[in-house]
Amino acid sequence: MSYLFKYYSKQYDKFMKIFHLDKNKEIIKVIKDVNNLDILDIGGGTGIFQIF
């Protein structure tokens, strides 16, 4: 991962949180249990959910 992506992705995530544009909690509530699920990410953001 490049330095620029590491830097700007953190800034992007902060921006989304400050202006209440992140929907992370709502997404987790809907999905609930991600074990044994195949999930497709269509390039929406910085990959904050890649740990799942």
N, C-alpha and C. Protein backbone atom coordinates (compact mmCIF):
# COMPACT_ATOMS: atom_id res chain seq x y z
N MET A 1 0.86 -1.17 0.00
CA MET A 1 0.00 0.00 0.00
C MET A 1 0.91 1.24 0.00
N SER A 2 0.60 2.17 -0.83
CA SER A 2 1.44 3.35 -0.95
C SER A 2 1.26 4.31 0.23
N TYR A 3 2.26 5.11 0.44
CA TYR A 3 2.22 6.11 1.52
C TYR A 3 1.03 7.05 1.34
N LEU A 4 0.81 7.52 0.11
CA LEU A 4 -0.28 8.47 -0.12
C LEU A 4 -1.64 7.87 0.24
N PHE A 5 -1.86 6.60 -0.14
CA PHE A 5 -3.13 5.98 0.19
C PHE A 5 -3.29 5.85 1.70
N LYS A 6 -2.23 5.42 2.38
CA LYS A 6 -2.31 5.28 3.84
C LYS A 6 -2.66 6.61 4.50
N TYR A 7 -2.05 7.68 4.02
CA TYR A 7 -2.30 9.01 4.60
C TYR A 7 -3.71 9.49 4.28
N TYR A 8 -4.07 9.50 3.00
CA TYR A 8 -5.35 10.08 2.60
C TYR A 8 -6.54 9.21 2.99
N SER A 9 -6.36 7.92 3.09
CA SER A 9 -7.48 7.08 3.51
C SER A 9 -7.88 7.39 4.95
N LYS A 10 -6.90 7.66 5.80
CA LYS A 10 -7.22 8.04 7.18
C LYS A 10 -7.96 9.37 7.22
N GLN A 11 -7.52 10.32 6.40
CA GLN A 11 -8.18 11.62 6.35
C GLN A 11 -9.61 11.48 5.83
N TYR A 12 -9.79 10.64 4.81
CA TYR A 12 -11.12 10.40 4.24
C TYR A 12 -12.05 9.80 5.30
N ASP A 13 -11.56 8.80 6.03
CA ASP A 13 -12.38 8.17 7.07
C ASP A 13 -12.77 9.18 8.15
N LYS A 14 -11.85 10.05 8.54
CA LYS A 14 -12.15 11.09 9.53
C LYS A 14 -13.22 12.05 8.99
N PHE A 15 -13.08 12.47 7.75
CA PHE A 15 -14.04 13.37 7.11
C PHE A 15 -15.43 12.75 7.11
N MET A 16 -15.51 11.49 6.71
CA MET A 16 -16.81 10.81 6.64
C MET A 16 -17.46 10.73 8.02
N LYS A 17 -16.65 10.51 9.05
CA LYS A 17 -17.19 10.41 10.41
C LYS A 17 -17.64 11.77 10.93
N ILE A 18 -16.84 12.80 10.71
CA ILE A 18 -17.18 14.14 11.19
C ILE A 18 -18.50 14.63 10.62
N PHE A 19 -18.73 14.37 9.33
CA PHE A 19 -19.94 14.86 8.66
C PHE A 19 -21.06 13.82 8.62
N HIS A 20 -20.90 12.77 9.44
CA HIS A 20 -21.93 11.73 9.58
C HIS A 20 -22.31 11.11 8.24
N LEU A 21 -21.31 10.90 7.41
CA LEU A 21 -21.54 10.27 6.11
C LEU A 21 -21.17 8.80 6.13
N ASP A 22 -20.56 8.33 7.21
CA ASP A 22 -20.23 6.91 7.31
C ASP A 22 -21.45 6.17 7.85
N LYS A 23 -21.68 5.03 7.34
CA LYS A 23 -22.83 4.23 7.76
C LYS A 23 -22.36 2.89 8.31
N ASN A 24 -21.17 2.87 8.90
CA ASN A 24 -20.57 1.63 9.37
C ASN A 24 -21.44 0.91 10.39
N LYS A 25 -21.94 1.62 11.38
CA LYS A 25 -22.75 0.99 12.42
C LYS A 25 -24.04 0.41 11.84
N GLU A 26 -24.65 1.13 10.91
CA GLU A 26 -25.88 0.65 10.28
C GLU A 26 -25.62 -0.60 9.44
N ILE A 27 -24.51 -0.61 8.74
CA ILE A 27 -24.15 -1.78 7.92
C ILE A 27 -23.95 -3.00 8.81
N ILE A 28 -23.23 -2.82 9.90
CA ILE A 28 -22.98 -3.94 10.81
C ILE A 28 -24.29 -4.45 11.41
N LYS A 29 -25.22 -3.56 11.75
CA LYS A 29 -26.51 -3.97 12.30
C LYS A 29 -27.29 -4.81 11.29
N VAL A 30 -27.23 -4.45 10.02
CA VAL A 30 -27.98 -5.18 8.99
C VAL A 30 -27.35 -6.54 8.74
N ILE A 31 -26.05 -6.57 8.62
CA ILE A 31 -25.36 -7.83 8.30
C ILE A 31 -25.27 -8.73 9.53
N LYS A 32 -25.05 -8.17 10.69
CA LYS A 32 -24.91 -8.84 11.98
C LYS A 32 -23.77 -9.85 11.99
N ASP A 33 -23.96 -11.00 11.44
CA ASP A 33 -22.95 -12.05 11.48
C ASP A 33 -22.41 -12.29 10.07
N VAL A 34 -21.15 -11.95 9.88
CA VAL A 34 -20.56 -12.08 8.54
C VAL A 34 -19.80 -13.39 8.36
N ASN A 35 -19.80 -14.23 9.39
CA ASN A 35 -19.13 -15.53 9.25
C ASN A 35 -19.84 -16.37 8.21
N ASN A 36 -19.07 -17.03 7.37
CA ASN A 36 -19.57 -17.92 6.32
C ASN A 36 -20.36 -17.18 5.25
N LEU A 37 -20.14 -15.87 5.09
CA LEU A 37 -20.78 -15.11 4.03
C LEU A 37 -19.74 -14.68 3.01
N ASP A 38 -20.13 -14.66 1.75
CA ASP A 38 -19.30 -14.07 0.71
C ASP A 38 -19.78 -12.65 0.51
N ILE A 39 -18.88 -11.70 0.67
CA ILE A 39 -19.25 -10.29 0.58
C ILE A 39 -18.43 -9.63 -0.50
N LEU A 40 -19.09 -8.89 -1.36
CA LEU A 40 -18.43 -8.17 -2.44
C LEU A 40 -18.41 -6.69 -2.11
N ASP A 41 -17.23 -6.10 -2.17
CA ASP A 41 -17.08 -4.66 -1.96
C ASP A 41 -16.83 -4.03 -3.31
N ILE A 42 -17.66 -3.10 -3.68
CA ILE A 42 -17.55 -2.49 -5.00
C ILE A 42 -16.85 -1.15 -4.87
N GLY A 43 -15.66 -1.16 -4.30
CA GLY A 43 -14.83 0.04 -4.24
C GLY A 43 -15.47 1.22 -3.56
N GLY A 44 -16.20 1.00 -2.50
CA GLY A 44 -16.85 2.11 -1.82
C GLY A 44 -16.11 2.55 -0.57
N GLY A 45 -15.04 3.27 -0.71
CA GLY A 45 -14.34 3.78 0.45
C GLY A 45 -12.91 3.30 0.55
N THR A 46 -12.43 3.23 1.77
CA THR A 46 -11.01 2.98 2.01
C THR A 46 -10.71 1.56 2.45
N GLY A 47 -11.70 0.71 2.53
CA GLY A 47 -11.48 -0.66 2.94
C GLY A 47 -11.51 -0.86 4.43
N ILE A 48 -12.24 -0.03 5.12
CA ILE A 48 -12.30 -0.10 6.58
C ILE A 48 -12.86 -1.43 7.06
N PHE A 49 -13.68 -2.09 6.26
CA PHE A 49 -14.27 -3.37 6.65
C PHE A 49 -13.49 -4.57 6.15
N GLN A 50 -12.28 -4.37 5.66
CA GLN A 50 -11.52 -5.48 5.11
C GLN A 50 -11.18 -6.54 6.15
N ILE A 51 -11.31 -6.22 7.42
CA ILE A 51 -11.01 -7.20 8.47
C ILE A 51 -12.07 -8.29 8.54
N PHE A 52 -13.23 -8.06 7.98
CA PHE A 52 -14.30 -9.05 8.08
C PHE A 52 -14.04 -10.14 7.14
